[in-house]
C-alpha cells in the first residue's frame, strides 16, 4: 500500500509524517485490496481562525470503486483523524458488500445445481 501526502504550504511539515503513520494504522488491515492512498490538506483561510482546514482522503482499491472522503475541521489533526475513520468505514463497507454478493451468488448457484440433479 502506497501512501502519498500533498500538504498546503501554510501547514507544518510534520503533518506529512503524522498523516502517513495514521493512514497506515487505520487502513493497514485492508492492505491486500488497497492500491494506494492519497491524502491532501488545504487551509482555505490561511492563518485566520475558523473551520477551514480540509482533509481529502482518496483510497484507490483493486477491483472496487475508489473511496473519496472530504473532511473539514478547525484543526489539521482532527480533520485527518475523522477523514481516516470515515475512509476505513467506507472501505470496509465496499469490500464487505462485494464479498457478501459473491457468497450469495455462489450459494444461489449451488442451489440451482442441486435442483437440476
Protein backbone atom coordinates (compact mmCIF):
# COMPACT_ATOMS: atom_id res chain seq x y z
CA UNK A 1 0.00 0.00 0.00
CA UNK A 2 1.50 3.29 -1.11
CA UNK A 3 0.63 6.45 0.84
CA UNK A 4 1.10 9.89 -0.74
CA UNK A 5 0.52 13.21 1.06
CA UNK A 6 0.00 16.61 -0.55
CA UNK A 7 0.24 19.42 2.01
CA UNK A 8 -0.62 23.10 1.65
CA UNK A 9 2.42 25.32 2.25
CA UNK A 10 0.66 27.09 5.17
CA UNK A 11 0.61 23.87 7.23
CA UNK A 12 3.54 22.50 9.28
CA UNK A 13 5.84 19.90 7.70
CA UNK A 14 5.33 17.36 10.49
CA UNK A 15 1.79 16.84 9.21
CA UNK A 16 3.10 14.56 6.44
CA UNK A 17 4.76 12.08 8.81
CA UNK A 18 1.76 12.02 11.12
CA UNK A 19 -0.66 11.55 8.21
CA UNK A 20 1.32 8.66 6.73
CA UNK A 21 1.61 6.94 10.11
CA UNK A 22 -2.08 7.33 10.94
CA UNK A 23 -3.14 6.18 7.46
CA UNK A 24 -1.01 3.04 7.82
CA UNK A 25 -2.55 2.36 11.23
CA UNK A 26 -6.17 2.93 10.15
CA UNK A 27 -6.06 1.35 6.69
CA UNK A 28 -3.34 -1.29 7.15
CA UNK A 29 -5.84 -4.12 7.62
CA UNK A 30 -7.10 -3.54 4.06
CA UNK A 31 -3.61 -3.66 2.56
CA UNK A 32 -4.46 -6.54 0.20
CA UNK A 33 -7.28 -4.57 -1.50
CA UNK A 34 -5.77 -1.06 -1.42
CA UNK A 35 -3.58 0.08 -4.32
CA UNK A 36 -2.68 3.46 -2.89
CA UNK A 37 -3.87 6.22 -0.58
CA UNK A 38 -3.64 9.95 -1.32
CA UNK A 39 -4.12 12.46 1.48
CA UNK A 40 -4.36 16.16 0.68
CA UNK A 41 -4.62 19.08 3.09
CA UNK A 42 -5.82 22.57 2.27
CA UNK A 43 -6.05 25.55 4.60
CA UNK A 44 -8.63 27.76 2.90
CA UNK A 45 -8.25 30.88 5.09
CA UNK A 46 -4.54 30.68 5.76
CA UNK A 47 -3.52 31.86 9.25
CA UNK A 48 -7.05 33.10 10.11
CA UNK A 49 -9.07 31.12 12.62
CA UNK A 50 -12.16 29.11 11.72
CA UNK A 51 -13.35 25.80 10.35
CA UNK A 52 -11.29 25.92 7.20
CA UNK A 53 -8.77 23.06 7.20
CA UNK A 54 -9.85 20.44 4.67
CA UNK A 55 -8.52 16.89 4.51
CA UNK A 56 -9.22 14.87 1.37
CA UNK A 57 -8.58 11.12 1.60
CA UNK A 58 -8.61 9.17 -1.67
CA UNK A 59 -8.33 5.38 -1.42
CA UNK A 60 -7.79 3.54 -4.72
CA UNK A 61 -8.83 -0.11 -4.47
CA UNK A 62 -8.19 -3.23 -6.57
CA UNK A 63 -11.41 -4.37 -8.32
CA UNK A 64 -13.57 -1.98 -6.26
CA UNK A 65 -14.73 1.60 -6.75
CA UNK A 66 -12.49 4.30 -5.27
CA UNK A 67 -13.34 5.85 -1.91
CA UNK A 68 -13.04 9.64 -1.64
CA UNK A 69 -13.67 11.42 1.68
CA UNK A 70 -13.73 15.19 2.32
CA UNK A 71 -13.47 16.26 5.96
CA UNK A 72 -13.31 19.86 7.22
CA UNK A 73 -12.34 20.98 10.70
CA UNK A 74 -10.70 23.80 12.62
CA UNK A 75 -7.62 21.62 13.34
CA UNK A 76 -5.44 19.58 10.97
CA UNK A 77 -5.25 16.56 13.28
CA UNK A 78 -8.98 16.45 13.81
CA UNK A 79 -9.71 16.65 10.07
CA UNK A 80 -7.18 13.87 9.40
CA UNK A 81 -8.49 11.65 12.21
CA UNK A 82 -12.15 11.97 11.17
CA UNK A 83 -11.30 11.58 7.47
CA UNK A 84 -9.35 8.36 8.05
CA UNK A 85 -12.09 6.91 10.27
CA UNK A 86 -14.69 7.61 7.58
CA UNK A 87 -12.40 6.22 4.86
CA UNK A 88 -11.76 2.99 6.80
CA UNK A 89 -15.51 2.54 7.34
CA UNK A 90 -16.23 3.15 3.65
CA UNK A 91 -13.52 0.70 2.53
CA UNK A 92 -14.86 -1.95 4.94
CA UNK A 93 -18.37 -1.45 3.58
CA UNK A 94 -17.21 -1.61 -0.03
CA UNK A 95 -15.17 -4.78 0.48
CA UNK A 96 -17.87 -6.43 2.62
CA UNK A 97 -20.62 -5.72 0.08
CA UNK A 98 -18.63 -7.34 -2.71
CA UNK A 99 -17.75 -10.39 -0.57
CA UNK A 100 -21.37 -10.83 0.53
CA UNK A 101 -22.58 -10.52 -3.06
CA UNK A 102 -20.08 -13.20 -4.14
CA UNK A 103 -21.16 -15.56 -1.32
CA UNK A 104 -24.82 -15.02 -2.20
CA UNK A 105 -24.21 -15.77 -5.88
CA UNK A 106 -22.15 -18.90 -5.07
CA UNK A 107 -24.87 -20.16 -2.72
CA UNK A 108 -27.56 -19.47 -5.28
CA UNK A 109 -25.57 -21.27 -8.00
CA UNK A 110 -25.12 -24.29 -5.71
CA UNK A 111 -28.88 -24.42 -5.06
CA UNK A 112 -29.58 -24.28 -8.80
CA UNK A 113 -27.13 -27.13 -9.46
CA UNK A 114 -28.77 -29.28 -6.76
CA UNK A 115 -32.23 -28.53 -8.16
CA UNK A 116 -31.16 -29.62 -11.66
CA UNK A 117 -29.97 -33.04 -10.44
